[in-house]
Amino acid sequence: MTSIYDQDLPQTPANHAPMSPLSFIERTAEVYPTRLAIVHGDWRQDWATTYRRTRQLASALSQAGIGKNDTVAVILPNTPPMVEAHFGIPMAGAVLNALNTRLDPETIAFMLDHGEAKAVIVDPEFSGTMKKALALRQAKTPLLVIDVEDVLYTGPSEKLGSTTYEAFVASGDADFAWSLPSDEWDAIALNYTSGTTGNPKGVVYHHRGAATNAISNILEWDMPKHAAYLWTLPMFHCNGWCFPWTVAARAAVNVCLRRVDAQAIFDAIRNHGVTHYCGAPIVHGLLVNAPAEMKVGVPAGVKAMVAGAAPPASMIEGMEAMGFDLTHVYGLTEVYGPATVCPKHPEWEALDIGERARLNARQGVRYHLERDVRVLDPETMLPVPQDGETMGEIMFKGNIAMKGYLKNPKATQEAFAGGWFHSGDLAVQYPDGYIKIKDRSKDIIISGGENISSIEVEDVLYRHPAVLAAAVVAKPDARWGETPCAFVELKADAQVTPEDIVAHCKQHLAGFKVPRAVVFGELPKTSTGKIQKFELRKQAGSAAAIDV
């Protein structure tokens, strides 16, 4: 029987609209048109102009035959075109694929083909890499290449396409009649992540998830209107943890930064009144360890967000000394970046630095608009006791979870088995509900906030003619959080040095994936010949690093 609450109460455009972060820029441009939106060197742009340009970008893409569910790739640093891409591309109904600028041409070529990109927007700094990637593509379909010009980049570059970004945007209609997605489940972005296999997996985001995580970012930080957000976190990484959309929702300022540098960060904080920034531990460590004279005049009260490896006591102490407020978050590409947060309680302030570091190092509790995050027994799918000792797997459920893996139904089904997203991270849950990671069920190394597949690195090691067996594990690193450590068993009579192994890896891997330590010797194995990585992890902490 139909309920009285369903009878003659239809869903209509008057009482229901799909959730999308595209609504944020529309409102901000209407309410705060002259407020500053983007800072890039000496260049300034307000929100009305930013909205107009994103509509022009959407229009130009539409005129080029790019529409709903077409992929538009970009390889850009944290510059104005990257901000605009987060709105203009989905306004055309297309899907934004922000490529990791640190990847090698072979991997980028795979992503362009796998994502079936129809266009790519290229910053001059990465034209050399993209030129090689385009030559390596297997797909025969034409690809529209759009070249960005940036006065702040003075290095070598080469035009790859038939048009520049500014000319392309100018060809579009500033009054382009874009519309919200017909369904908030429609794809808004495609992000590739390293998994436990060599080829990266394409993580598909939906409009609803992007909007809900962007709003959750505001709630976790109590982020005020007109804040000034410094782009130290790469926007290619989980769409900058959804902060391009968060910043628009708050009519805040995008303070762009082409390259992470301590002097540039402190200058930006002083000159532009930066109130918020995010980054991996390496970014915060860079600031903490900077010379005292570089910090002169930096105001207290800046809010920083850290993800990746847990912040050590020295980092927390150093941030407090600068007057910065550090918030620890945790997540994965599959959950739009951060989806848990470690909220601090007032009573923690009275504790010594060691105990505060222990509490702040936990991955915390669910984001406001995530339905649930639990530590479950992966066999029974039941919660483990909240005793801080019983291990299980961190699992997510709710709006802040991907649609799934592109063209990979098996991986998608496995990831969502039992009605939860399986993170692959092993953890405990404390009586207060806070979660703490204890180990990784996937052999993923998180270095500088970027995921590295140990299997991918091992595959490269096995290509060396002198290598009999190889295993790669995470080595703790004060700067990067973790770096790859390679344990290599050589063939009899092989004459090779650790530096030779590193040189070999450099030929086949992106720089951040190259092992920072190489240890020769017989690998510990089980009776069936399986390499015992847990034994290697014990040794990795004392392995000598190599200058790569």
Protein backbone atom coordinates (compact mmCIF):
# COMPACT_ATOMS: atom_id res chain seq x y z
CA MET A 1 0.00 0.00 0.00
CA THR A 2 1.24 3.48 -0.85
CA SER A 3 2.10 5.53 2.22
CA ILE A 4 0.34 8.82 2.83
CA TYR A 5 3.82 10.34 2.71
CA ASP A 6 4.31 9.14 -0.86
CA GLN A 7 0.83 9.77 -2.20
CA ASP A 8 0.64 12.85 -4.44
CA LEU A 9 4.04 14.01 -3.19
CA PRO A 10 6.19 13.60 -6.32
CA GLN A 11 9.83 14.45 -6.77
CA THR A 12 10.00 17.42 -9.15
CA PRO A 13 12.56 20.03 -10.24
CA ALA A 14 10.94 22.34 -7.70
CA ASN A 15 11.83 20.16 -4.72
CA HIS A 16 14.82 18.09 -5.85
CA ALA A 17 18.09 18.83 -7.64
CA PRO A 18 21.15 16.63 -8.13
CA MET A 19 24.00 17.42 -5.75
CA SER A 20 27.05 18.74 -7.56
CA PRO A 21 29.99 20.99 -6.64
CA LEU A 22 29.27 22.93 -9.82
CA SER A 23 26.52 24.67 -7.86
CA PHE A 24 29.15 26.15 -5.56
CA ILE A 25 30.90 28.32 -8.13
CA GLU A 26 27.57 29.47 -9.59
CA ARG A 27 26.38 30.74 -6.20
CA THR A 28 29.70 32.31 -5.25
CA ALA A 29 29.90 34.19 -8.57
CA GLU A 30 26.39 35.53 -8.01
CA VAL A 31 26.85 36.51 -4.36
CA TYR A 32 30.52 37.55 -4.31
CA PRO A 33 31.39 38.42 -7.93
CA THR A 34 34.21 40.83 -7.11
CA ARG A 35 35.82 38.78 -4.36
CA LEU A 36 39.28 37.50 -5.13
CA ALA A 37 39.21 33.92 -6.44
CA ILE A 38 42.71 33.12 -7.72
CA VAL A 39 46.19 34.45 -7.05
CA HIS A 40 49.07 33.39 -9.30
CA GLY A 41 52.23 35.44 -8.95
CA ASP A 42 51.22 39.02 -9.76
CA TRP A 43 48.04 37.87 -11.51
CA ARG A 44 44.61 38.19 -9.85
CA GLN A 45 41.15 36.94 -10.88
CA ASP A 46 37.78 37.43 -9.17
CA TRP A 47 34.95 34.92 -8.89
CA ALA A 48 32.77 36.46 -11.60
CA THR A 49 35.65 36.20 -14.08
CA THR A 50 36.49 32.67 -12.96
CA TYR A 51 32.89 31.57 -13.46
CA ARG A 52 32.76 33.24 -16.87
CA ARG A 53 35.97 31.52 -17.97
CA THR A 54 34.82 28.09 -16.78
CA ARG A 55 31.65 28.52 -18.85
CA GLN A 56 33.78 29.51 -21.82
CA LEU A 57 35.93 26.41 -21.31
CA ALA A 58 32.82 24.23 -21.18
CA SER A 59 31.47 25.90 -24.31
CA ALA A 60 34.74 25.46 -26.21
CA LEU A 61 34.86 21.77 -25.28
CA SER A 62 31.28 21.34 -26.46
CA GLN A 63 32.09 23.05 -29.77
CA ALA A 64 34.96 20.57 -30.14
CA GLY A 65 32.48 17.70 -29.88
CA ILE A 66 33.27 16.81 -26.26
CA GLY A 67 30.25 16.12 -24.08
CA LYS A 68 28.74 13.83 -21.49
CA ASN A 69 31.04 11.08 -20.22
CA ASP A 70 33.92 12.07 -22.50
CA THR A 71 37.26 12.14 -20.70
CA VAL A 72 39.39 15.29 -20.70
CA ALA A 73 42.87 14.73 -19.26
CA VAL A 74 45.04 17.49 -17.85
CA ILE A 75 48.69 17.50 -16.82
CA LEU A 76 49.01 20.72 -14.87
CA PRO A 77 50.65 22.03 -11.71
CA ASN A 78 48.69 24.09 -9.19
CA THR A 79 47.91 26.97 -11.56
CA PRO A 80 44.73 28.85 -12.62
CA PRO A 81 43.96 26.50 -15.55
CA MET A 82 43.88 23.58 -13.08
CA VAL A 83 41.36 25.42 -10.89
CA GLU A 84 39.22 26.22 -13.95
CA ALA A 85 39.41 22.63 -15.21
CA HIS A 86 37.63 21.39 -12.07
CA PHE A 87 34.54 23.34 -13.13
CA GLY A 88 34.71 23.90 -16.88
CA ILE A 89 35.25 20.26 -17.83
CA PRO A 90 32.29 18.84 -15.84
CA MET A 91 30.13 21.81 -16.94
CA ALA A 92 30.47 20.34 -20.44
CA GLY A 93 29.26 17.01 -19.04
CA ALA A 94 32.76 15.62 -19.45
CA VAL A 95 34.95 13.82 -16.90
CA LEU A 96 38.14 15.41 -15.55
CA ASN A 97 41.21 13.16 -15.49
CA ALA A 98 43.97 15.00 -13.61
CA LEU A 99 47.23 13.22 -14.37
CA ASN A 100 50.00 12.85 -11.83
CA THR A 101 52.76 15.16 -13.09
CA ARG A 102 55.43 12.90 -11.58
CA LEU A 103 54.62 9.85 -13.68
CA ASP A 104 56.65 8.42 -16.54
CA PRO A 105 55.46 8.64 -20.19
CA GLU A 106 54.60 4.93 -20.36
CA THR A 107 52.17 5.18 -17.44
CA ILE A 108 50.62 8.38 -18.76
CA ALA A 109 50.13 6.76 -22.18
CA PHE A 110 48.35 3.87 -20.49
CA MET A 111 46.04 6.28 -18.64
CA LEU A 112 45.20 8.26 -21.77
CA ASP A 113 44.28 5.04 -23.56
CA HIS A 114 42.49 3.35 -20.68
CA GLY A 115 40.46 6.47 -19.88
CA GLU A 116 39.74 7.00 -23.59
CA ALA A 117 40.73 10.66 -23.35
CA LYS A 118 39.30 12.92 -26.06
CA ALA A 119 41.45 15.93 -25.13
CA VAL A 120 44.43 16.80 -22.96
CA ILE A 121 45.48 20.16 -21.52
CA VAL A 122 49.27 20.39 -21.11
CA ASP A 123 51.39 22.74 -19.00
CA PRO A 124 54.70 23.70 -20.69
CA GLU A 125 56.73 22.12 -17.89
CA PHE A 126 55.39 18.69 -18.83
CA SER A 127 55.37 19.00 -22.62
CA GLY A 128 58.42 16.73 -22.93
CA THR A 129 56.81 13.97 -20.89
CA MET A 130 53.50 14.35 -22.71
CA LYS A 131 55.17 14.29 -26.13
CA LYS A 132 56.67 10.89 -25.32
CA ALA A 133 53.36 9.67 -23.87
CA LEU A 134 51.45 10.67 -26.98
CA ALA A 135 53.94 8.73 -29.11
CA LEU A 136 53.41 5.65 -26.93
CA ARG A 137 49.60 5.63 -27.12
CA GLN A 138 48.10 2.46 -28.52
CA ALA A 139 44.76 4.07 -29.34
CA LYS A 140 44.38 5.40 -32.88
CA THR A 141 41.63 7.89 -32.06
CA PRO A 142 42.59 11.58 -32.45
CA LEU A 143 43.34 13.55 -29.32
CA LEU A 144 42.80 17.31 -29.00
CA VAL A 145 45.95 18.76 -27.41
CA ILE A 146 45.71 22.19 -25.77
CA ASP A 147 48.92 23.99 -24.75
CA VAL A 148 48.99 26.17 -21.64
CA GLU A 149 51.29 29.18 -21.52
CA ASP A 150 52.46 30.44 -18.12
CA VAL A 151 54.75 33.44 -17.59
CA LEU A 152 55.90 31.94 -14.28
CA TYR A 153 57.45 28.99 -16.12
CA THR A 154 60.72 29.82 -17.86
CA GLY A 155 62.13 26.36 -18.56
CA PRO A 156 62.24 24.39 -21.81
CA SER A 157 58.96 23.51 -23.48
CA GLU A 158 57.43 22.59 -26.80
CA LYS A 159 54.01 23.28 -28.31
CA LEU A 160 52.25 19.95 -28.92
CA GLY A 161 48.80 21.03 -30.06
CA SER A 162 47.09 23.29 -32.54
CA THR A 163 45.79 25.81 -30.00
CA THR A 164 46.72 27.46 -26.74
CA TYR A 165 44.62 27.32 -23.62
CA GLU A 166 43.82 31.04 -23.68
CA ALA A 167 42.81 30.94 -27.34
CA PHE A 168 40.68 27.88 -26.70
CA VAL A 169 38.89 29.46 -23.73
CA ALA A 170 38.38 32.71 -25.67
CA SER A 171 36.61 30.77 -28.43
CA GLY A 172 33.89 29.71 -25.99
CA ASP A 173 30.65 31.42 -25.05
CA ALA A 174 30.73 33.16 -21.65
CA ASP A 175 26.95 32.67 -21.43
CA PHE A 176 27.13 28.95 -22.14
CA ALA A 177 23.99 27.33 -20.75
CA TRP A 178 25.54 24.51 -18.78
CA SER A 179 23.34 22.34 -16.60
CA LEU A 180 23.67 20.18 -13.52
CA PRO A 181 24.06 16.46 -14.21
CA SER A 182 20.80 14.68 -14.88
CA ASP A 183 21.83 12.29 -12.12
CA GLU A 184 24.18 13.09 -9.23
CA TRP A 185 25.60 9.58 -9.76
CA ASP A 186 27.09 10.79 -13.07
CA ALA A 187 30.89 10.76 -13.22
CA ILE A 188 32.73 14.00 -12.50
CA ALA A 189 36.34 12.84 -12.30
CA LEU A 190 38.68 9.95 -13.02
CA ASN A 191 41.75 9.45 -10.83
CA TYR A 192 44.32 6.72 -11.22
CA THR A 193 45.81 4.99 -8.22
CA SER A 194 48.53 2.42 -7.81
CA GLY A 195 47.14 -0.90 -6.66
CA THR A 196 48.73 -4.21 -5.87
CA THR A 197 49.34 -4.82 -9.57
CA GLY A 198 51.56 -2.91 -11.97
CA ASN A 199 48.84 -1.17 -14.00
CA PRO A 200 47.07 1.64 -12.12
CA LYS A 201 43.33 1.44 -11.52
CA GLY A 202 40.96 4.17 -12.65
CA VAL A 203 38.87 5.44 -9.74
CA VAL A 204 35.62 7.07 -10.87
CA TYR A 205 34.13 9.88 -8.75
CA HIS A 206 30.47 10.96 -8.88
CA HIS A 207 29.04 14.47 -8.45
CA ARG A 208 27.36 13.61 -5.15
CA GLY A 209 30.57 12.33 -3.60
CA ALA A 210 32.56 15.34 -4.77
CA ALA A 211 29.99 17.71 -3.27
CA THR A 212 29.63 15.88 0.03
CA ASN A 213 33.37 15.58 0.60
CA ALA A 214 33.89 19.24 -0.32
CA ILE A 215 31.29 20.22 2.29
CA SER A 216 32.81 17.84 4.84
CA ASN A 217 36.16 19.60 4.38
CA ILE A 218 34.47 22.82 5.48
CA LEU A 219 32.91 21.16 8.50
CA GLU A 220 36.09 19.40 9.66
CA TRP A 221 38.02 22.66 9.63
CA ASP A 222 35.19 25.09 10.48
CA MET A 223 36.46 26.82 7.36
CA PRO A 224 35.15 30.40 7.23
CA LYS A 225 33.98 32.41 4.25
CA HIS A 226 36.73 34.16 2.28
CA ALA A 227 39.52 32.01 3.71
CA ALA A 228 42.80 31.97 1.79
CA TYR A 229 43.81 28.47 0.76
CA LEU A 230 47.40 27.79 -0.34
CA TRP A 231 47.83 25.07 -2.97
CA THR A 232 50.71 23.03 -1.56
CA LEU A 233 48.78 19.79 -2.11
CA PRO A 234 48.80 18.74 -5.79
CA MET A 235 45.39 19.19 -7.40
CA PHE A 236 46.05 16.00 -9.37
CA HIS A 237 45.98 14.04 -6.11
CA CYS A 238 42.35 12.99 -5.45
CA ASN A 239 41.32 16.28 -7.09
CA GLY A 240 43.23 18.09 -4.38
CA TRP A 241 41.20 16.23 -1.74
CA CYS A 242 38.14 17.98 -3.28
CA PHE A 243 39.41 21.39 -2.12
CA PRO A 244 38.96 23.15 -5.50
CA TRP A 245 35.24 22.69 -4.87
CA THR A 246 35.56 23.46 -1.15
CA VAL A 247 37.28 26.77 -1.87
CA ALA A 248 34.52 27.75 -4.31
CA ALA A 249 31.82 26.92 -1.77
CA ARG A 250 33.42 29.29 0.74
CA ALA A 251 34.08 32.10 -1.77
CA ALA A 252 37.67 31.69 -0.63
CA VAL A 253 40.95 32.43 -2.41
CA ASN A 254 42.98 29.90 -4.38
CA VAL A 255 46.60 30.90 -3.78
CA CYS A 256 48.42 29.00 -6.51
CA LEU A 257 51.90 27.57 -6.16
CA ARG A 258 53.74 25.95 -9.07
CA ARG A 259 56.28 24.27 -6.85
CA VAL A 260 56.49 23.43 -3.16
CA ASP A 261 59.26 25.49 -1.61
CA ALA A 262 59.60 26.62 2.01
CA GLN A 263 60.46 30.22 1.13
CA ALA A 264 57.57 30.46 -1.35
CA ILE A 265 55.14 29.01 1.21
CA PHE A 266 56.14 31.41 3.97
CA ASP A 267 56.07 34.34 1.53
CA ALA A 268 52.57 33.36 0.40
CA ILE A 269 51.35 33.09 3.99
CA ARG A 270 52.67 36.56 4.76
CA ASN A 271 51.70 38.27 1.49
CA HIS A 272 48.28 36.73 0.89
CA GLY A 273 47.03 36.10 4.41
CA VAL A 274 46.94 32.33 3.91
CA THR A 275 44.69 30.68 6.48
CA HIS A 276 44.65 27.03 5.34
CA TYR A 277 46.83 24.53 3.49
CA CYS A 278 47.13 20.74 3.14
CA GLY A 279 49.96 18.36 2.46
CA ALA A 280 51.82 15.15 3.08
CA PRO A 281 54.22 15.02 6.07
CA ILE A 282 57.11 16.14 3.86
CA VAL A 283 55.49 19.54 3.30
CA HIS A 284 54.95 20.25 6.98
CA GLY A 285 58.41 18.93 7.82
CA LEU A 286 59.88 21.30 5.25
CA LEU A 287 58.37 24.24 7.10
CA VAL A 288 59.24 23.01 10.59
CA ASN A 289 62.88 22.50 9.62
CA ALA A 290 63.25 25.76 7.70
CA PRO A 291 65.71 28.38 9.05
CA ALA A 292 64.29 30.62 11.76
CA GLU A 293 64.86 33.76 9.69
CA MET A 294 62.55 32.39 6.99
CA LYS A 295 59.68 32.27 9.50
CA VAL A 296 59.94 35.86 10.67
CA GLY A 297 56.60 37.65 10.41
CA VAL A 298 54.58 34.52 9.77
CA PRO A 299 51.31 34.93 11.68
CA ALA A 300 50.02 32.33 14.11
CA GLY A 301 46.74 30.55 13.57
CA VAL A 302 47.34 29.00 10.16
CA LYS A 303 45.40 25.74 9.87
CA ALA A 304 47.26 22.80 8.32
CA MET A 305 45.96 19.39 7.33
CA VAL A 306 48.26 16.36 7.17
CA ALA A 307 47.60 12.94 5.66
CA GLY A 308 49.71 9.91 4.90
CA ALA A 309 52.10 8.80 7.61
CA ALA A 310 51.04 9.77 11.13
CA PRO A 311 52.57 13.07 12.34
CA PRO A 312 55.43 12.36 14.76
CA ALA A 313 55.88 14.22 18.02
CA SER A 314 58.66 16.36 16.52
CA MET A 315 56.34 17.59 13.76
CA ILE A 316 53.49 18.38 16.15
CA GLU A 317 55.91 20.21 18.44
CA GLY A 318 57.42 22.13 15.53
CA MET A 319 54.02 23.15 14.16
CA GLU A 320 52.91 24.32 17.60
CA ALA A 321 56.09 26.38 17.90
CA MET A 322 55.13 28.19 14.67
CA GLY A 323 51.60 28.68 15.97
CA PHE A 324 50.09 26.40 13.30
CA ASP A 325 47.07 24.22 14.08
CA LEU A 326 47.60 20.72 12.64
CA THR A 327 44.70 18.37 11.80
CA HIS A 328 45.38 14.72 10.92
CA VAL A 329 43.17 13.06 8.27
CA TYR A 330 43.18 9.71 6.52
CA GLY A 331 41.75 8.30 3.35
CA LEU A 332 42.44 6.83 -0.05
CA THR A 333 41.87 7.83 -3.65
CA GLU A 334 38.77 5.61 -3.60
CA VAL A 335 37.18 7.80 -0.91
CA TYR A 336 37.98 11.19 -2.48
CA GLY A 337 41.11 11.72 -0.38
CA PRO A 338 40.45 12.26 3.32
CA ALA A 339 37.34 10.58 4.69
CA THR A 340 38.31 10.30 8.36
CA VAL A 341 39.65 12.96 10.68
CA CYS A 342 41.26 12.96 14.11
CA PRO A 343 39.37 15.71 15.99
CA LYS A 344 41.34 17.06 18.93
CA HIS A 345 39.71 17.41 22.33
CA PRO A 346 40.43 20.34 24.71
CA GLU A 347 41.61 18.00 27.47
CA TRP A 348 44.40 16.74 25.21
CA GLU A 349 46.14 20.11 25.51
CA ALA A 350 47.12 19.34 29.11
CA LEU A 351 48.94 16.15 28.11
CA ASP A 352 52.65 15.90 27.38
CA ILE A 353 53.81 16.02 23.76
CA GLY A 354 54.37 12.27 23.56
CA GLU A 355 50.83 11.43 24.60
CA ARG A 356 49.36 14.13 22.36
CA ALA A 357 51.34 12.76 19.45
CA ARG A 358 50.00 9.27 20.16
CA LEU A 359 46.41 10.52 20.18
CA ASN A 360 46.86 12.75 17.12
CA ALA A 361 48.54 9.94 15.18
CA ARG A 362 45.30 8.01 15.03
CA GLN A 363 43.32 8.05 11.81
CA GLY A 364 40.30 9.13 13.79
CA VAL A 365 36.60 9.00 13.02
CA ARG A 366 34.41 9.39 9.93
CA TYR A 367 34.02 12.64 8.03
CA HIS A 368 30.74 14.47 8.73
CA LEU A 369 28.97 13.37 5.56
CA GLU A 370 30.41 9.86 5.33
CA ARG A 371 27.83 7.32 6.47
CA ASP A 372 30.16 5.09 8.44
CA VAL A 373 33.75 3.97 8.92
CA ARG A 374 34.48 0.86 10.95
CA VAL A 375 37.17 -1.68 11.66
CA LEU A 376 35.62 -4.99 10.62
CA ASP A 377 36.72 -8.57 10.58
CA PRO A 378 37.04 -9.16 6.80
CA GLU A 379 35.96 -12.79 7.20
CA THR A 380 32.78 -12.26 9.24
CA MET A 381 32.18 -8.58 8.28
CA LEU A 382 31.44 -7.90 11.95
CA PRO A 383 33.01 -5.05 13.97
CA VAL A 384 36.08 -5.97 15.97
CA PRO A 385 36.05 -5.17 19.71
CA GLN A 386 36.88 -1.51 20.34
CA ASP A 387 39.75 -2.40 22.61
CA GLY A 388 42.68 -0.80 20.77
CA GLU A 389 44.20 -4.25 20.27
CA THR A 390 42.03 -6.45 18.03
CA MET A 391 42.98 -5.98 14.40
CA GLY A 392 40.58 -5.78 11.48
CA GLU A 393 40.26 -3.95 8.20
CA ILE A 394 39.17 -0.32 7.84
CA MET A 395 35.99 -0.17 5.78
CA PHE A 396 33.92 2.76 4.53
CA LYS A 397 30.27 3.13 3.64
CA GLY A 398 28.31 6.07 2.28
CA ASN A 399 28.41 9.02 -0.07
CA ILE A 400 32.14 9.56 0.05
CA ALA A 401 33.06 6.47 -1.91
CA MET A 402 33.88 6.03 -5.58
CA LYS A 403 31.49 4.67 -8.21
CA GLY A 404 34.08 1.94 -8.78
CA TYR A 405 37.11 1.09 -10.91
CA LEU A 406 36.87 1.95 -14.59
CA LYS A 407 36.57 -1.14 -16.83
CA ASN A 408 37.41 -3.40 -13.90
CA PRO A 409 34.22 -5.05 -12.61
CA LYS A 410 36.09 -7.76 -10.71
CA ALA A 411 38.12 -5.24 -8.70
CA THR A 412 35.00 -3.15 -8.10
CA GLN A 413 33.04 -6.13 -6.79
CA GLU A 414 35.91 -7.13 -4.52
CA ALA A 415 36.29 -3.59 -3.20
CA PHE A 416 32.59 -3.35 -2.28
CA ALA A 417 32.06 -6.92 -1.06
CA GLY A 418 29.58 -7.14 1.79
CA GLY A 419 28.27 -3.62 1.28
CA TRP A 420 31.42 -1.85 2.47
CA PHE A 421 34.44 -0.40 0.70
CA HIS A 422 37.47 -2.43 1.74
CA SER A 423 40.46 -0.14 2.27
CA GLY A 424 43.03 -2.92 2.60
CA ASP A 425 44.44 -1.17 5.68
CA LEU A 426 44.59 -3.17 8.90
CA ALA A 427 43.76 -1.27 12.07
CA VAL A 428 42.39 -1.30 15.59
CA GLN A 429 39.53 0.73 17.04
CA TYR A 430 39.72 2.30 20.48
CA PRO A 431 36.93 2.60 23.07
CA ASP A 432 36.38 6.23 21.99
CA GLY A 433 35.73 5.04 18.43
CA TYR A 434 38.99 6.40 17.02
CA ILE A 435 40.78 4.19 14.48
CA LYS A 436 44.51 3.54 14.28
CA ILE A 437 46.26 1.83 11.36
CA LYS A 438 48.60 -0.97 12.38
CA ASP A 439 49.65 -2.52 9.08
CA ARG A 440 48.81 -2.66 5.38
CA SER A 441 47.24 -5.70 3.84
CA LYS A 442 48.24 -4.33 0.43
CA ASP A 443 51.90 -3.90 -0.25
CA ILE A 444 51.53 -0.20 -0.90
CA ILE A 445 54.20 2.31 0.07
CA ILE A 446 52.99 5.87 0.74
CA SER A 447 55.81 8.26 -0.10
CA GLY A 448 55.19 11.99 0.06
CA GLY A 449 51.47 11.31 -0.08
CA GLU A 450 51.74 9.25 -3.28
CA ASN A 451 51.03 5.53 -3.50
CA ILE A 452 53.74 3.22 -4.83
CA SER A 453 52.98 -0.36 -5.76
CA SER A 454 55.74 -2.60 -4.42
CA ILE A 455 54.86 -5.15 -7.10
CA GLU A 456 55.43 -2.58 -9.83
CA VAL A 457 58.90 -1.83 -8.45
CA GLU A 458 59.63 -5.56 -8.02
CA ASP A 459 58.68 -6.19 -11.65
CA VAL A 460 61.30 -3.67 -12.73
CA LEU A 461 63.93 -5.19 -10.44
CA TYR A 462 63.31 -8.61 -11.93
CA ARG A 463 64.12 -7.19 -15.36
CA HIS A 464 67.73 -6.69 -14.31
CA PRO A 465 69.84 -9.61 -15.57
CA ALA A 466 71.67 -9.97 -12.26
CA VAL A 467 68.57 -10.25 -10.07
CA LEU A 468 67.45 -13.69 -8.90
CA ALA A 469 64.76 -12.59 -6.46
CA ALA A 470 63.49 -9.25 -5.22
CA ALA A 471 61.10 -7.82 -2.67
CA VAL A 472 60.23 -4.20 -1.93
CA VAL A 473 58.89 -2.90 1.38
CA ALA A 474 58.43 0.50 3.00
CA LYS A 475 61.39 2.09 4.70
CA PRO A 476 60.55 4.82 7.26
CA ASP A 477 61.77 8.21 6.09
CA ALA A 478 61.77 11.44 8.09
CA ARG A 479 61.13 13.55 5.00
CA TRP A 480 58.86 11.44 2.80
CA GLY A 481 57.10 9.35 5.44
CA GLU A 482 58.06 6.16 3.60
CA THR A 483 60.32 5.29 0.68
CA PRO A 484 60.84 2.03 -1.22
CA CYS A 485 63.52 -0.28 0.13
CA ALA A 486 64.60 -3.07 -2.23
CA PHE A 487 65.90 -6.40 -0.96
CA VAL A 488 67.68 -8.18 -3.80
CA GLU A 489 69.03 -11.72 -4.08
CA LEU A 490 71.62 -11.81 -6.85
CA LYS A 491 72.41 -14.60 -9.27
CA ALA A 492 75.63 -16.52 -8.68
CA ASP A 493 78.77 -14.61 -9.68
CA ALA A 494 76.79 -11.46 -10.47
CA GLN A 495 78.87 -8.30 -10.30
CA VAL A 496 76.55 -5.41 -9.53
CA THR A 497 76.34 -2.53 -7.05
CA PRO A 498 73.33 -0.94 -5.34
CA GLU A 499 73.93 2.11 -7.54
CA ASP A 500 73.60 -0.10 -10.62
CA ILE A 501 70.21 -1.31 -9.40
CA VAL A 502 69.05 2.26 -8.77
CA ALA A 503 70.21 3.34 -12.23
CA HIS A 504 68.27 0.44 -13.76
CA CYS A 505 65.11 1.44 -11.87
CA LYS A 506 65.44 5.05 -12.99
CA GLN A 507 65.15 3.90 -16.59
CA HIS A 508 61.74 2.33 -15.99
CA LEU A 509 60.10 4.14 -13.07
CA ALA A 510 59.02 7.62 -12.08
CA GLY A 511 61.59 9.18 -9.76
CA PHE A 512 59.54 8.91 -6.59
CA LYS A 513 59.11 5.15 -7.13
CA VAL A 514 62.86 4.42 -7.32
CA PRO A 515 64.20 2.55 -4.23
CA ARG A 516 66.10 4.76 -1.82
CA ALA A 517 67.81 1.75 -0.29
CA VAL A 518 69.07 -1.50 -1.85
CA VAL A 519 70.11 -4.45 0.30
CA PHE A 520 71.82 -7.52 -1.19
CA GLY A 521 71.46 -10.96 0.36
CA GLU A 522 69.40 -14.13 0.45
CA LEU A 523 65.74 -13.37 0.98
CA PRO A 524 63.88 -15.07 3.86
CA LYS A 525 61.33 -17.53 2.52
CA THR A 526 58.69 -19.93 3.76
CA SER A 527 58.92 -23.68 3.15
CA THR A 528 56.90 -23.16 -0.03
CA GLY A 529 59.28 -20.48 -1.28
CA LYS A 530 57.15 -17.43 -0.50
CA ILE A 531 59.20 -14.39 0.47
CA GLN A 532 58.57 -13.35 4.07
CA LYS A 533 58.04 -9.61 3.78
CA PHE A 534 57.36 -9.18 7.46
CA GLU A 535 60.98 -10.16 8.13
CA LEU A 536 62.18 -7.64 5.58
CA ARG A 537 60.09 -4.88 7.14
CA LYS A 538 61.99 -5.47 10.38
CA GLN A 539 65.26 -4.88 8.54
CA ALA A 540 64.13 -1.95 6.40
CA GLY A 541 64.40 0.59 9.20
CA SER A 542 68.15 0.09 9.47
CA ALA A 543 68.88 -0.17 5.74
CA ALA A 544 71.27 2.49 4.50
CA ALA A 545 69.73 5.00 2.09
CA ILE A 546 71.26 5.72 -1.32
CA ASP A 547 71.40 9.12 -2.97
CA VAL A 548 69.06 8.69 -5.93
